[in-house]
């Protein structure tokens, strides 16, 4: 009888997980903007409270916070676009370098697999012709993406504003739901909110520090477009592990293509390795790790799960929300085992 109840409970949990992940996948067009807006709102809550203490009405405080975020994001994207335009202007120089590399590749291929230069050129030209056939489709897709990105940005900022305006009602709603199981639910919910605010702010602070350090470091090494690559590496660091790898490989490849000496890509690689060590052992533990600690196993698993369900957006969003979930688990007695398996404690002993 007991085994039947255990099997029934397992089936219920499995069905619940399937329903949750199925809803996340099918409703991603609606849920992703809400999730992004929630992160921005949690980031802005302390600022909004400070403005209200200074005498600003809640509505004006929320509008001012959202307006500031919009201005900052516009500035960041404007800088990125300007840097990309400058990079495009330098493409002829990059093309000369690529031509020299292709010449070396031609000779290598001809020596190793006995394919003539004419056959190699014909193969490349055929590939270019095939690509040009779809150039119109690529351009249309790019325009559609740009249009949808603008609309999504407006929707996300609208959600952020609404979450800030109705944050007290949302907190009270959650408190009333949780009060059925815990008499101190209101205190716990407010504590969770404060910790989540600090965690999200810490993540963005780490990105800001890394963007600045990366840009300055690449500039000192002598890499062109250091600001572009520094910002890209910092922003990609939002995606744990994979983002830092991608952000470092892009300037390494660029240095390899544009510089005559191999010392430049080597120096860039060593620089990013050093920055990643500082970020892993100093920045993140002291800025975000003081509030919530996620172990690499849980982080990597939820990272891949987010990629399967929501793609790039899931890889970015699932990790901070897992951190918020861990905060909730740690403050609710019945859920503390789940917080334990997600977290890491430097002082715990190995029980294996």
C-alpha atoms as a PDB file:
ATOM      1  CA  UNK A   1       0.000   0.000   0.000  1.00  0.00           C
ATOM      2  CA  UNK A   2       2.806   2.368   0.907  1.00  0.00           C
ATOM      3  CA  UNK A   3       4.594   1.601  -2.369  1.00  0.00           C
ATOM      4  CA  UNK A   4       1.406   2.397  -4.287  1.00  0.00           C
ATOM      5  CA  UNK A   5       1.158   5.787  -2.566  1.00  0.00           C
ATOM      6  CA  UNK A   6       4.816   6.519  -3.322  1.00  0.00           C
ATOM      7  CA  UNK A   7       4.328   5.618  -6.980  1.00  0.00           C
ATOM      8  CA  UNK A   8       1.182   7.732  -7.151  1.00  0.00           C
ATOM      9  CA  UNK A   9       2.980  10.728  -5.625  1.00  0.00           C
ATOM     10  CA  UNK A  10       5.880  10.282  -8.064  1.00  0.00           C
ATOM     11  CA  UNK A  11       3.450  10.232 -10.990  1.00  0.00           C
ATOM     12  CA  UNK A  12       1.788  13.397  -9.710  1.00  0.00           C
ATOM     13  CA  UNK A  13       5.129  15.195  -9.406  1.00  0.00           C
ATOM     14  CA  UNK A  14       6.176  14.030 -12.881  1.00  0.00           C
ATOM     15  CA  UNK A  15       2.867  15.180 -14.369  1.00  0.00           C
ATOM     16  CA  UNK A  16       3.191  18.554 -12.628  1.00  0.00           C
ATOM     17  CA  UNK A  17       6.717  19.033 -14.036  1.00  0.00           C
ATOM     18  CA  UNK A  18       5.530  18.136 -17.535  1.00  0.00           C
ATOM     19  CA  UNK A  19       2.666  20.621 -17.263  1.00  0.00           C
ATOM     20  CA  UNK A  20       4.931  23.406 -15.959  1.00  0.00           C
ATOM     21  CA  UNK A  21       7.609  22.947 -18.614  1.00  0.00           C
ATOM     22  CA  UNK A  22       4.969  22.482 -21.311  1.00  0.00           C
ATOM     23  CA  UNK A  23       3.307  25.751 -20.329  1.00  0.00           C
ATOM     24  CA  UNK A  24       6.687  27.508 -20.242  1.00  0.00           C
ATOM     25  CA  UNK A  25       7.429  26.290 -23.764  1.00  0.00           C
ATOM     26  CA  UNK A  26       4.007  26.958 -25.276  1.00  0.00           C
ATOM     27  CA  UNK A  27       3.537  30.305 -23.526  1.00  0.00           C
ATOM     28  CA  UNK A  28       7.031  31.693 -24.066  1.00  0.00           C
ATOM     29  CA  UNK A  29       5.796  34.583 -26.224  1.00  0.00           C
ATOM     30  CA  UNK A  30       3.827  35.840 -23.214  1.00  0.00           C
ATOM     31  CA  UNK A  31       6.007  34.651 -20.300  1.00  0.00           C
ATOM     32  CA  UNK A  32       9.441  35.847 -21.517  1.00  0.00           C
ATOM     33  CA  UNK A  33       8.529  39.597 -21.561  1.00  0.00           C
ATOM     34  CA  UNK A  34       6.888  39.168 -18.143  1.00  0.00           C
ATOM     35  CA  UNK A  35      10.034  37.464 -16.792  1.00  0.00           C
ATOM     36  CA  UNK A  36      12.334  40.187 -18.159  1.00  0.00           C
ATOM     37  CA  UNK A  37      10.046  42.899 -16.814  1.00  0.00           C
ATOM     38  CA  UNK A  38      10.080  41.201 -13.424  1.00  0.00           C
ATOM     39  CA  UNK A  39      13.885  41.247 -13.321  1.00  0.00           C
ATOM     40  CA  UNK A  40      14.015  44.938 -14.196  1.00  0.00           C
ATOM     41  CA  UNK A  41      11.339  45.693 -11.602  1.00  0.00           C
ATOM     42  CA  UNK A  42      13.262  43.840  -8.869  1.00  0.00           C
ATOM     43  CA  UNK A  43      16.370  45.756  -9.858  1.00  0.00           C
ATOM     44  CA  UNK A  44      14.548  49.100  -9.619  1.00  0.00           C
ATOM     45  CA  UNK A  45      12.574  48.529  -6.407  1.00  0.00           C
ATOM     46  CA  UNK A  46      15.306  49.935  -4.083  1.00  0.00           C
ATOM     47  CA  UNK A  47      15.681  53.030  -6.283  1.00  0.00           C
ATOM     48  CA  UNK A  48      11.923  53.473  -6.402  1.00  0.00           C
ATOM     49  CA  UNK A  49      11.704  53.242  -2.583  1.00  0.00           C
ATOM     50  CA  UNK A  50      14.460  55.820  -2.219  1.00  0.00           C
ATOM     51  CA  UNK A  51      12.670  58.264  -4.527  1.00  0.00           C
ATOM     52  CA  UNK A  52       9.439  57.786  -2.608  1.00  0.00           C
ATOM     53  CA  UNK A  53      11.249  58.532   0.676  1.00  0.00           C
ATOM     54  CA  UNK A  54      12.457  61.781  -0.896  1.00  0.00           C
ATOM     55  CA  UNK A  55       8.812  62.794  -1.364  1.00  0.00           C
ATOM     56  CA  UNK A  56       8.170  61.757  -4.960  1.00  0.00           C
ATOM     57  CA  UNK A  57       4.711  60.210  -5.609  1.00  0.00           C
ATOM     58  CA  UNK A  58       4.836  56.438  -6.275  1.00  0.00           C
ATOM     59  CA  UNK A  59       3.642  56.847  -9.867  1.00  0.00           C
ATOM     60  CA  UNK A  60       6.241  59.503 -10.669  1.00  0.00           C
ATOM     61  CA  UNK A  61       8.974  57.475  -8.954  1.00  0.00           C
ATOM     62  CA  UNK A  62       8.135  54.379 -11.027  1.00  0.00           C
ATOM     63  CA  UNK A  63       7.973  56.372 -14.276  1.00  0.00           C
ATOM     64  CA  UNK A  64      11.304  58.061 -13.533  1.00  0.00           C
ATOM     65  CA  UNK A  65      12.974  54.696 -12.811  1.00  0.00           C
ATOM     66  CA  UNK A  66      11.693  53.116 -16.019  1.00  0.00           C
ATOM     67  CA  UNK A  67      12.575  56.211 -18.052  1.00  0.00           C
ATOM     68  CA  UNK A  68      16.134  56.089 -16.692  1.00  0.00           C
ATOM     69  CA  UNK A  69      16.470  52.420 -17.659  1.00  0.00           C
ATOM     70  CA  UNK A  70      15.190  53.173 -21.154  1.00  0.00           C
ATOM     71  CA  UNK A  71      17.724  55.989 -21.583  1.00  0.00           C
ATOM     72  CA  UNK A  72      20.601  53.800 -20.323  1.00  0.00           C
ATOM     73  CA  UNK A  73      19.639  50.916 -22.638  1.00  0.00           C
ATOM     74  CA  UNK A  74      19.309  53.280 -25.608  1.00  0.00           C
ATOM     75  CA  UNK A  75      22.780  54.661 -24.886  1.00  0.00           C
ATOM     76  CA  UNK A  76      24.273  51.151 -24.603  1.00  0.00           C
ATOM     77  CA  UNK A  77      22.683  49.963 -27.846  1.00  0.00           C
ATOM     78  CA  UNK A  78      23.651  53.203 -29.613  1.00  0.00           C
ATOM     79  CA  UNK A  79      27.279  52.681 -28.599  1.00  0.00           C
ATOM     80  CA  UNK A  80      27.152  49.075 -29.785  1.00  0.00           C
ATOM     81  CA  UNK A  81      25.616  50.043 -33.132  1.00  0.00           C
ATOM     82  CA  UNK A  82      28.155  52.838 -33.662  1.00  0.00           C
ATOM     83  CA  UNK A  83      30.997  50.456 -32.881  1.00  0.00           C
ATOM     84  CA  UNK A  84      29.554  47.914 -35.310  1.00  0.00           C
ATOM     85  CA  UNK A  85      29.372  50.597 -38.016  1.00  0.00           C
ATOM     86  CA  UNK A  86      33.036  51.449 -37.408  1.00  0.00           C
ATOM     87  CA  UNK A  87      33.870  47.751 -37.594  1.00  0.00           C
ATOM     88  CA  UNK A  88      32.085  47.484 -40.950  1.00  0.00           C
ATOM     89  CA  UNK A  89      34.115  50.448 -42.248  1.00  0.00           C
ATOM     90  CA  UNK A  90      37.295  48.554 -41.350  1.00  0.00           C
ATOM     91  CA  UNK A  91      36.208  45.413 -43.167  1.00  0.00           C
ATOM     92  CA  UNK A  92      38.366  46.138 -46.269  1.00  0.00           C
ATOM     93  CA  UNK A  93      41.477  45.906 -44.088  1.00  0.00           C
ATOM     94  CA  UNK A  94      40.131  42.715 -42.591  1.00  0.00           C
ATOM     95  CA  UNK A  95      39.410  41.456 -46.108  1.00  0.00           C
ATOM     96  CA  UNK A  96      43.050  41.896 -47.117  1.00  0.00           C
ATOM     97  CA  UNK A  97      44.118  39.852 -44.126  1.00  0.00           C
ATOM     98  CA  UNK A  98      41.547  37.173 -44.956  1.00  0.00           C
ATOM     99  CA  UNK A  99      42.804  37.089 -48.546  1.00  0.00           C
ATOM    100  CA  UNK A 100      46.315  36.372 -47.318  1.00  0.00           C
ATOM    101  CA  UNK A 101      45.009  33.651 -45.020  1.00  0.00           C
ATOM    102  CA  UNK A 102      43.012  32.144 -47.873  1.00  0.00           C
ATOM    103  CA  UNK A 103      46.127  32.065 -50.011  1.00  0.00           C
ATOM    104  CA  UNK A 104      47.904  30.090 -47.314  1.00  0.00           C
ATOM    105  CA  UNK A 105      44.871  27.833 -47.003  1.00  0.00           C
ATOM    106  CA  UNK A 106      44.862  27.252 -50.788  1.00  0.00           C
ATOM    107  CA  UNK A 107      48.464  26.104 -50.714  1.00  0.00           C
ATOM    108  CA  UNK A 108      47.862  23.871 -47.707  1.00  0.00           C
ATOM    109  CA  UNK A 109      44.786  22.209 -49.250  1.00  0.00           C
ATOM    110  CA  UNK A 110      46.583  21.700 -52.568  1.00  0.00           C
ATOM    111  CA  UNK A 111      49.529  20.055 -50.810  1.00  0.00           C
ATOM    112  CA  UNK A 112      47.481  17.796 -48.537  1.00  0.00           C
ATOM    113  CA  UNK A 113      44.419  16.636 -50.512  1.00  0.00           C
ATOM    114  CA  UNK A 114      45.539  17.438 -54.066  1.00  0.00           C
ATOM    115  CA  UNK A 115      42.711  19.848 -54.911  1.00  0.00           C
ATOM    116  CA  UNK A 116      43.680  22.476 -57.458  1.00  0.00           C
ATOM    117  CA  UNK A 117      43.387  26.183 -56.808  1.00  0.00           C
ATOM    118  CA  UNK A 118      40.779  26.555 -59.560  1.00  0.00           C
ATOM    119  CA  UNK A 119      38.568  23.897 -57.991  1.00  0.00           C
ATOM    120  CA  UNK A 120      38.851  25.570 -54.590  1.00  0.00           C
ATOM    121  CA  UNK A 121      37.893  28.968 -56.069  1.00  0.00           C
ATOM    122  CA  UNK A 122      34.966  27.419 -57.905  1.00  0.00           C
ATOM    123  CA  UNK A 123      33.737  25.817 -54.688  1.00  0.00           C
ATOM    124  CA  UNK A 124      33.952  29.133 -52.788  1.00  0.00           C
ATOM    125  CA  UNK A 125      32.198  31.024 -55.593  1.00  0.00           C
ATOM    126  CA  UNK A 126      29.421  28.446 -55.692  1.00  0.00           C
ATOM    127  CA  UNK A 127      28.960  28.778 -51.937  1.00  0.00           C
ATOM    128  CA  UNK A 128      28.766  32.573 -52.326  1.00  0.00           C
ATOM    129  CA  UNK A 129      26.184  32.269 -55.099  1.00  0.00           C
ATOM    130  CA  UNK A 130      24.076  29.965 -52.945  1.00  0.00           C
ATOM    131  CA  UNK A 131      24.295  32.419 -50.082  1.00  0.00           C
ATOM    132  CA  UNK A 132      23.263  35.384 -52.268  1.00  0.00           C
ATOM    133  CA  UNK A 133      20.096  33.544 -53.274  1.00  0.00           C
ATOM    134  CA  UNK A 134      18.922  33.750 -49.700  1.00  0.00           C
ATOM    135  CA  UNK A 135      20.214  37.275 -49.058  1.00  0.00           C
ATOM    136  CA  UNK A 136      16.739  38.722 -49.538  1.00  0.00           C
ATOM    137  CA  UNK A 137      15.261  36.286 -47.050  1.00  0.00           C
ATOM    138  CA  UNK A 138      18.001  37.057 -44.557  1.00  0.00           C
ATOM    139  CA  UNK A 139      17.408  40.805 -44.928  1.00  0.00           C
ATOM    140  CA  UNK A 140      13.651  40.433 -44.498  1.00  0.00           C
ATOM    141  CA  UNK A 141      14.172  38.259 -41.430  1.00  0.00           C
ATOM    142  CA  UNK A 142      16.546  40.856 -40.008  1.00  0.00           C
ATOM    143  CA  UNK A 143      14.005  43.650 -40.501  1.00  0.00           C
ATOM    144  CA  UNK A 144      11.246  41.566 -38.941  1.00  0.00           C
ATOM    145  CA  UNK A 145      13.506  40.773 -36.002  1.00  0.00           C
ATOM    146  CA  UNK A 146      14.332  44.458 -35.515  1.00  0.00           C
ATOM    147  CA  UNK A 147      10.647  45.361 -35.579  1.00  0.00           C
ATOM    148  CA  UNK A 148       9.686  42.621 -33.135  1.00  0.00           C
ATOM    149  CA  UNK A 149      12.603  43.593 -30.875  1.00  0.00           C
ATOM    150  CA  UNK A 150      11.319  47.176 -30.650  1.00  0.00           C
ATOM    151  CA  UNK A 151       7.798  45.962 -29.854  1.00  0.00           C
ATOM    152  CA  UNK A 152       9.124  43.499 -27.267  1.00  0.00           C
ATOM    153  CA  UNK A 153      11.193  46.262 -25.670  1.00  0.00           C
ATOM    154  CA  UNK A 154       8.097  48.459 -25.301  1.00  0.00           C
ATOM    155  CA  UNK A 155       6.139  45.545 -23.803  1.00  0.00           C
ATOM    156  CA  UNK A 156       8.941  44.717 -21.338  1.00  0.00           C
ATOM    157  CA  UNK A 157       9.198  48.318 -20.159  1.00  0.00           C
ATOM    158  CA  UNK A 158       5.419  48.454 -19.763  1.00  0.00           C
ATOM    159  CA  UNK A 159       5.504  45.335 -17.579  1.00  0.00           C
ATOM    160  CA  UNK A 160       8.348  46.833 -15.561  1.00  0.00           C
ATOM    161  CA  UNK A 161       6.340  49.988 -14.904  1.00  0.00           C
ATOM    162  CA  UNK A 162       3.226  48.017 -13.926  1.00  0.00           C
ATOM    163  CA  UNK A 163       5.188  45.743 -11.572  1.00  0.00           C
ATOM    164  CA  UNK A 164       6.655  48.798  -9.837  1.00  0.00           C
ATOM    165  CA  UNK A 165       3.270  50.470  -9.525  1.00  0.00           C
ATOM    166  CA  UNK A 166       1.555  47.373  -8.144  1.00  0.00           C
ATOM    167  CA  UNK A 167       4.461  45.865  -6.199  1.00  0.00           C
ATOM    168  CA  UNK A 168       2.766  46.317  -2.801  1.00  0.00           C
ATOM    169  CA  UNK A 169      -0.367  44.581  -4.005  1.00  0.00           C
ATOM    170  CA  UNK A 170       1.675  41.714  -5.479  1.00  0.00           C
ATOM    171  CA  UNK A 171       3.631  41.282  -2.232  1.00  0.00           C
ATOM    172  CA  UNK A 172       0.407  41.293  -0.202  1.00  0.00           C
ATOM    173  CA  UNK A 173      -1.129  38.761  -2.587  1.00  0.00           C
ATOM    174  CA  UNK A 174       1.771  36.358  -2.128  1.00  0.00           C
ATOM    175  CA  UNK A 175       1.726  36.962   1.640  1.00  0.00           C
ATOM    176  CA  UNK A 176      -1.950  36.104   1.883  1.00  0.00           C
ATOM    177  CA  UNK A 177      -1.422  32.922  -0.079  1.00  0.00           C
ATOM    178  CA  UNK A 178       1.533  31.879   2.055  1.00  0.00           C
ATOM    179  CA  UNK A 179      -0.094  32.885   5.365  1.00  0.00           C
ATOM    180  CA  UNK A 180      -2.150  29.709   5.268  1.00  0.00           C
ATOM    181  CA  UNK A 181       1.044  27.765   5.915  1.00  0.00           C
ATOM    182  CA  UNK A 182       3.189  30.266   7.827  1.00  0.00           C
ATOM    183  CA  UNK A 183       2.179  32.925  10.335  1.00  0.00           C
ATOM    184  CA  UNK A 184       5.196  35.077   9.465  1.00  0.00           C
ATOM    185  CA  UNK A 185       4.577  34.875   5.726  1.00  0.00           C
ATOM    186  CA  UNK A 186       4.565  38.645   5.241  1.00  0.00           C
ATOM    187  CA  UNK A 187       7.988  39.039   6.876  1.00  0.00           C
ATOM    188  CA  UNK A 188       9.417  36.134   4.864  1.00  0.00           C
ATOM    189  CA  UNK A 189       8.065  37.504   1.566  1.00  0.00           C
ATOM    190  CA  UNK A 190       9.552  40.943   2.226  1.00  0.00           C
ATOM    191  CA  UNK A 191      12.898  39.418   3.168  1.00  0.00           C
ATOM    192  CA  UNK A 192      12.880  37.306  -0.005  1.00  0.00           C
ATOM    193  CA  UNK A 193      12.093  40.438  -2.045  1.00  0.00           C
ATOM    194  CA  UNK A 194      15.005  42.360  -0.503  1.00  0.00           C
ATOM    195  CA  UNK A 195      17.450  39.498  -1.095  1.00  0.00           C
ATOM    196  CA  UNK A 196      16.234  39.054  -4.692  1.00  0.00           C
ATOM    197  CA  UNK A 197      16.674  42.810  -5.296  1.00  0.00           C
ATOM    198  CA  UNK A 198      20.260  42.656  -4.061  1.00  0.00           C
ATOM    199  CA  UNK A 199      21.007  39.546  -6.118  1.00  0.00           C
ATOM    200  CA  UNK A 200      19.709  40.972  -9.406  1.00  0.00           C
ATOM    201  CA  UNK A 201      21.479  44.284  -8.757  1.00  0.00           C
ATOM    202  CA  UNK A 202      24.679  42.340  -8.069  1.00  0.00           C
ATOM    203  CA  UNK A 203      24.427  40.508 -11.397  1.00  0.00           C
ATOM    204  CA  UNK A 204      24.098  43.776 -13.296  1.00  0.00           C
ATOM    205  CA  UNK A 205      26.945  45.325 -11.289  1.00  0.00           C
ATOM    206  CA  UNK A 206      29.235  42.437 -12.234  1.00  0.00           C
ATOM    207  CA  UNK A 207      28.322  42.951 -15.905  1.00  0.00           C
ATOM    208  CA  UNK A 208      29.117  46.658 -15.630  1.00  0.00           C
ATOM    209  CA  UNK A 209      32.495  46.015 -13.993  1.00  0.00           C
ATOM    210  CA  UNK A 210      33.450  43.344 -16.528  1.00  0.00           C
ATOM    211  CA  UNK A 211      32.433  45.529 -19.480  1.00  0.00           C
ATOM    212  CA  UNK A 212      34.655  48.338 -18.199  1.00  0.00           C
ATOM    213  CA  UNK A 213      37.629  46.095 -17.364  1.00  0.00           C
ATOM    214  CA  UNK A 214      37.385  44.192 -20.663  1.00  0.00           C
ATOM    215  CA  UNK A 215      37.279  47.395 -22.719  1.00  0.00           C
ATOM    216  CA  UNK A 216      40.253  48.939 -20.918  1.00  0.00           C
ATOM    217  CA  UNK A 217      42.266  45.705 -21.077  1.00  0.00           C
ATOM    218  CA  UNK A 218      41.704  45.190 -24.807  1.00  0.00           C
ATOM    219  CA  UNK A 219      42.549  48.840 -25.439  1.00  0.00           C
ATOM    220  CA  UNK A 220      45.851  48.503 -23.557  1.00  0.00           C
ATOM    221  CA  UNK A 221      46.720  45.335 -25.486  1.00  0.00           C
ATOM    222  CA  UNK A 222      46.191  47.219 -28.734  1.00  0.00           C
ATOM    223  CA  UNK A 223      43.046  45.540 -30.104  1.00  0.00           C
ATOM    224  CA  UNK A 224      40.923  47.704 -32.367  1.00  0.00           C
ATOM    225  CA  UNK A 225      37.238  48.132 -31.428  1.00  0.00           C
ATOM    226  CA  UNK A 226      38.056  47.368 -27.802  1.00  0.00           C
ATOM    227  CA  UNK A 227      34.886  49.068 -26.580  1.00  0.00           C
ATOM    228  CA  UNK A 228      32.691  46.869 -28.792  1.00  0.00           C
ATOM    229  CA  UNK A 229      34.340  43.623 -27.755  1.00  0.00           C
ATOM    230  CA  UNK A 230      34.479  44.688 -24.100  1.00  0.00           C
ATOM    231  CA  UNK A 231      30.762  45.477 -23.998  1.00  0.00           C
ATOM    232  CA  UNK A 232      29.890  42.266 -25.821  1.00  0.00           C
ATOM    233  CA  UNK A 233      31.980  40.168 -23.426  1.00  0.00           C
ATOM    234  CA  UNK A 234      30.442  41.878 -20.414  1.00  0.00           C
ATOM    235  CA  UNK A 235      26.877  41.470 -21.631  1.00  0.00           C
ATOM    236  CA  UNK A 236      27.429  37.854 -22.648  1.00  0.00           C
ATOM    237  CA  UNK A 237      28.669  37.142 -19.139  1.00  0.00           C
ATOM    238  CA  UNK A 238      25.000  37.180 -18.096  1.00  0.00           C
ATOM    239  CA  UNK A 239      24.965  33.640 -19.537  1.00  0.00           C
ATOM    240  CA  UNK A 240      27.109  31.688 -17.033  1.00  0.00           C
ATOM    241  CA  UNK A 241      30.061  29.657 -18.346  1.00  0.00           C
ATOM    242  CA  UNK A 242      29.028  29.651 -22.030  1.00  0.00           C
ATOM    243  CA  UNK A 243      28.697  33.441 -22.215  1.00  0.00           C
ATOM    244  CA  UNK A 244      32.184  34.093 -20.878  1.00  0.00           C
ATOM    245  CA  UNK A 245      33.656  31.605 -23.363  1.00  0.00           C
ATOM    246  CA  UNK A 246      31.855  33.174 -26.317  1.00  0.00           C
ATOM    247  CA  UNK A 247      32.731  36.691 -25.166  1.00  0.00           C
ATOM    248  CA  UNK A 248      36.441  35.857 -25.011  1.00  0.00           C
ATOM    249  CA  UNK A 249      36.636  33.881 -28.261  1.00  0.00           C
ATOM    250  CA  UNK A 250      35.313  36.735 -30.417  1.00  0.00           C
ATOM    251  CA  UNK A 251      38.200  39.186 -29.697  1.00  0.00           C
ATOM    252  CA  UNK A 252      40.719  36.319 -29.811  1.00  0.00           C
ATOM    253  CA  UNK A 253      39.587  35.394 -33.331  1.00  0.00           C
ATOM    254  CA  UNK A 254      39.551  39.069 -34.362  1.00  0.00           C
ATOM    255  CA  UNK A 255      43.128  39.534 -33.092  1.00  0.00           C
ATOM    256  CA  UNK A 256      44.178  36.387 -34.922  1.00  0.00           C
ATOM    257  CA  UNK A 257      42.747  37.718 -38.188  1.00  0.00           C
ATOM    258  CA  UNK A 258      43.961  41.308 -37.940  1.00  0.00           C
ATOM    259  CA  UNK A 259      47.357  41.071 -36.257  1.00  0.00           C
ATOM    260  CA  UNK A 260      50.559  39.782 -37.828  1.00  0.00           C
ATOM    261  CA  UNK A 261      51.953  38.518 -34.543  1.00  0.00           C
ATOM    262  CA  UNK A 262      50.492  35.584 -32.625  1.00  0.00           C
ATOM    263  CA  UNK A 263      51.321  37.357 -29.385  1.00  0.00           C
ATOM    264  CA  UNK A 264      48.182  39.502 -29.680  1.00  0.00           C
ATOM    265  CA  UNK A 265      45.620  36.654 -29.623  1.00  0.00           C
ATOM    266  CA  UNK A 266      47.693  34.918 -26.938  1.00  0.00           C
ATOM    267  CA  UNK A 267      47.679  38.055 -24.781  1.00  0.00           C
ATOM    268  CA  UNK A 268      43.929  38.506 -25.304  1.00  0.00           C
ATOM    269  CA  UNK A 269      43.307  34.886 -24.327  1.00  0.00           C
ATOM    270  CA  UNK A 270      45.475  35.183 -21.199  1.00  0.00           C
ATOM    271  CA  UNK A 271      43.762  38.455 -20.300  1.00  0.00           C
ATOM    272  CA  UNK A 272      40.292  36.930 -20.471  1.00  0.00           C
ATOM    273  CA  UNK A 273      41.414  33.871 -18.517  1.00  0.00           C
ATOM    274  CA  UNK A 274      42.678  36.176 -15.763  1.00  0.00           C
ATOM    275  CA  UNK A 275      39.456  38.225 -15.811  1.00  0.00           C
ATOM    276  CA  UNK A 276      37.338  35.064 -15.583  1.00  0.00           C
ATOM    277  CA  UNK A 277      39.328  33.906 -12.548  1.00  0.00           C
ATOM    278  CA  UNK A 278      38.836  37.269 -10.848  1.00  0.00           C
ATOM    279  CA  UNK A 279      35.128  37.206 -11.682  1.00  0.00           C
ATOM    280  CA  UNK A 280      34.665  33.633 -10.452  1.00  0.00           C
ATOM    281  CA  UNK A 281      36.613  33.917  -7.201  1.00  0.00           C
ATOM    282  CA  UNK A 282      36.341  37.600  -6.231  1.00  0.00           C
ATOM    283  CA  UNK A 283      33.574  39.571  -7.971  1.00  0.00           C
ATOM    284  CA  UNK A 284      30.675  37.118  -8.049  1.00  0.00           C
ATOM    285  CA  UNK A 285      31.249  35.590  -4.563  1.00  0.00           C
ATOM    286  CA  UNK A 286      31.500  39.025  -2.924  1.00  0.00           C
ATOM    287  CA  UNK A 287      28.795  40.833  -4.905  1.00  0.00           C
ATOM    288  CA  UNK A 288      26.118  38.205  -5.571  1.00  0.00           C
ATOM    289  CA  UNK A 289      27.470  35.265  -3.575  1.00  0.00           C
ATOM    290  CA  UNK A 290      26.880  37.086  -0.297  1.00  0.00           C
ATOM    291  CA  UNK A 291      23.149  36.902  -1.026  1.00  0.00           C
ATOM    292  CA  UNK A 292      22.696  33.583  -2.795  1.00  0.00           C
ATOM    293  CA  UNK A 293      25.024  30.763  -3.805  1.00  0.00           C
ATOM    294  CA  UNK A 294      24.272  28.392  -6.684  1.00  0.00           C
ATOM    295  CA  UNK A 295      26.531  25.406  -7.253  1.00  0.00           C
ATOM    296  CA  UNK A 296      27.921  24.797 -10.765  1.00  0.00           C
ATOM    297  CA  UNK A 297      25.919  21.588 -11.222  1.00  0.00           C
ATOM    298  CA  UNK A 298      22.557  23.305 -10.652  1.00  0.00           C
ATOM    299  CA  UNK A 299      23.628  26.341 -12.707  1.00  0.00           C
ATOM    300  CA  UNK A 300      24.733  24.282 -15.708  1.00  0.00           C
ATOM    301  CA  UNK A 301      21.636  22.078 -15.607  1.00  0.00           C
ATOM    302  CA  UNK A 302      19.205  25.001 -15.475  1.00  0.00           C
ATOM    303  CA  UNK A 303      21.279  26.784 -18.138  1.00  0.00           C
ATOM    304  CA  UNK A 304      20.833  23.888 -20.565  1.00  0.00           C
ATOM    305  CA  UNK A 305      17.188  23.469 -19.579  1.00  0.00           C
ATOM    306  CA  UNK A 306      16.549  27.146 -20.278  1.00  0.00           C
ATOM    307  CA  UNK A 307      18.231  26.801 -23.660  1.00  0.00           C
ATOM    308  CA  UNK A 308      15.980  23.854 -24.553  1.00  0.00           C
ATOM    309  CA  UNK A 309      12.760  25.609 -23.505  1.00  0.00           C
ATOM    310  CA  UNK A 310      13.343  29.286 -24.381  1.00  0.00           C
ATOM    311  CA  UNK A 311      16.603  29.324 -26.357  1.00  0.00           C
ATOM    312  CA  UNK A 312      18.999  32.212 -25.635  1.00  0.00           C
ATOM    313  CA  UNK A 313      16.366  33.982 -23.530  1.00  0.00           C
ATOM    314  CA  UNK A 314      16.056  30.899 -21.328  1.00  0.00           C
ATOM    315  CA  UNK A 315      19.825  30.667 -20.859  1.00  0.00           C
ATOM    316  CA  UNK A 316      19.783  34.259 -19.601  1.00  0.00           C
ATOM    317  CA  UNK A 317      16.605  34.192 -17.507  1.00  0.00           C
ATOM    318  CA  UNK A 318      16.538  30.746 -15.912  1.00  0.00           C
ATOM    319  CA  UNK A 319      19.710  31.257 -13.846  1.00  0.00           C
ATOM    320  CA  UNK A 320      18.639  34.447 -11.978  1.00  0.00           C
ATOM    321  CA  UNK A 321      15.178  32.998 -11.384  1.00  0.00           C
ATOM    322  CA  UNK A 322      16.777  29.832 -10.031  1.00  0.00           C
ATOM    323  CA  UNK A 323      18.732  32.076  -7.665  1.00  0.00           C
ATOM    324  CA  UNK A 324      15.478  33.722  -6.583  1.00  0.00           C
ATOM    325  CA  UNK A 325      13.879  30.283  -6.157  1.00  0.00           C
ATOM    326  CA  UNK A 326      16.782  29.255  -3.926  1.00  0.00           C
ATOM    327  CA  UNK A 327      16.191  32.320  -1.763  1.00  0.00           C
ATOM    328  CA  UNK A 328      12.571  31.193  -1.355  1.00  0.00           C
ATOM    329  CA  UNK A 329      13.612  27.617  -0.585  1.00  0.00           C
ATOM    330  CA  UNK A 330      16.102  28.776   2.056  1.00  0.00           C
ATOM    331  CA  UNK A 331      13.421  30.793   3.913  1.00  0.00           C
ATOM    332  CA  UNK A 332      10.617  28.221   3.835  1.00  0.00           C
ATOM    333  CA  UNK A 333      11.246  25.347   6.222  1.00  0.00           C
ATOM    334  CA  UNK A 334       9.573  22.633   4.149  1.00  0.00           C
ATOM    335  CA  UNK A 335      11.579  23.640   1.056  1.00  0.00           C
ATOM    336  CA  UNK A 336      15.005  24.002   2.655  1.00  0.00           C
ATOM    337  CA  UNK A 337      16.257  20.613   1.310  1.00  0.00           C
ATOM    338  CA  UNK A 338      15.782  21.931  -2.220  1.00  0.00           C
ATOM    339  CA  UNK A 339      17.721  25.078  -1.368  1.00  0.00           C
ATOM    340  CA  UNK A 340      20.480  22.887   0.062  1.00  0.00           C
ATOM    341  CA  UNK A 341      20.853  20.800  -3.114  1.00  0.00           C
ATOM    342  CA  UNK A 342      20.954  23.947  -5.266  1.00  0.00           C
ATOM    343  CA  UNK A 343      23.435  25.825  -3.112  1.00  0.00           C
ATOM    344  CA  UNK A 344      27.067  25.579  -2.202  1.00  0.00           C
ATOM    345  CA  UNK A 345      28.690  26.041   1.160  1.00  0.00           C
ATOM    346  CA  UNK A 346      32.461  26.320   1.403  1.00  0.00           C
ATOM    347  CA  UNK A 347      32.388  25.072   4.971  1.00  0.00           C
ATOM    348  CA  UNK A 348      30.343  21.915   4.447  1.00  0.00           C
ATOM    349  CA  UNK A 349      32.121  18.607   4.705  1.00  0.00           C
ATOM    350  CA  UNK A 350      32.178  16.046   1.960  1.00  0.00           C
ATOM    351  CA  UNK A 351      29.754  13.315   2.973  1.00  0.00           C
ATOM    352  CA  UNK A 352      30.289  11.106  -0.046  1.00  0.00           C
END
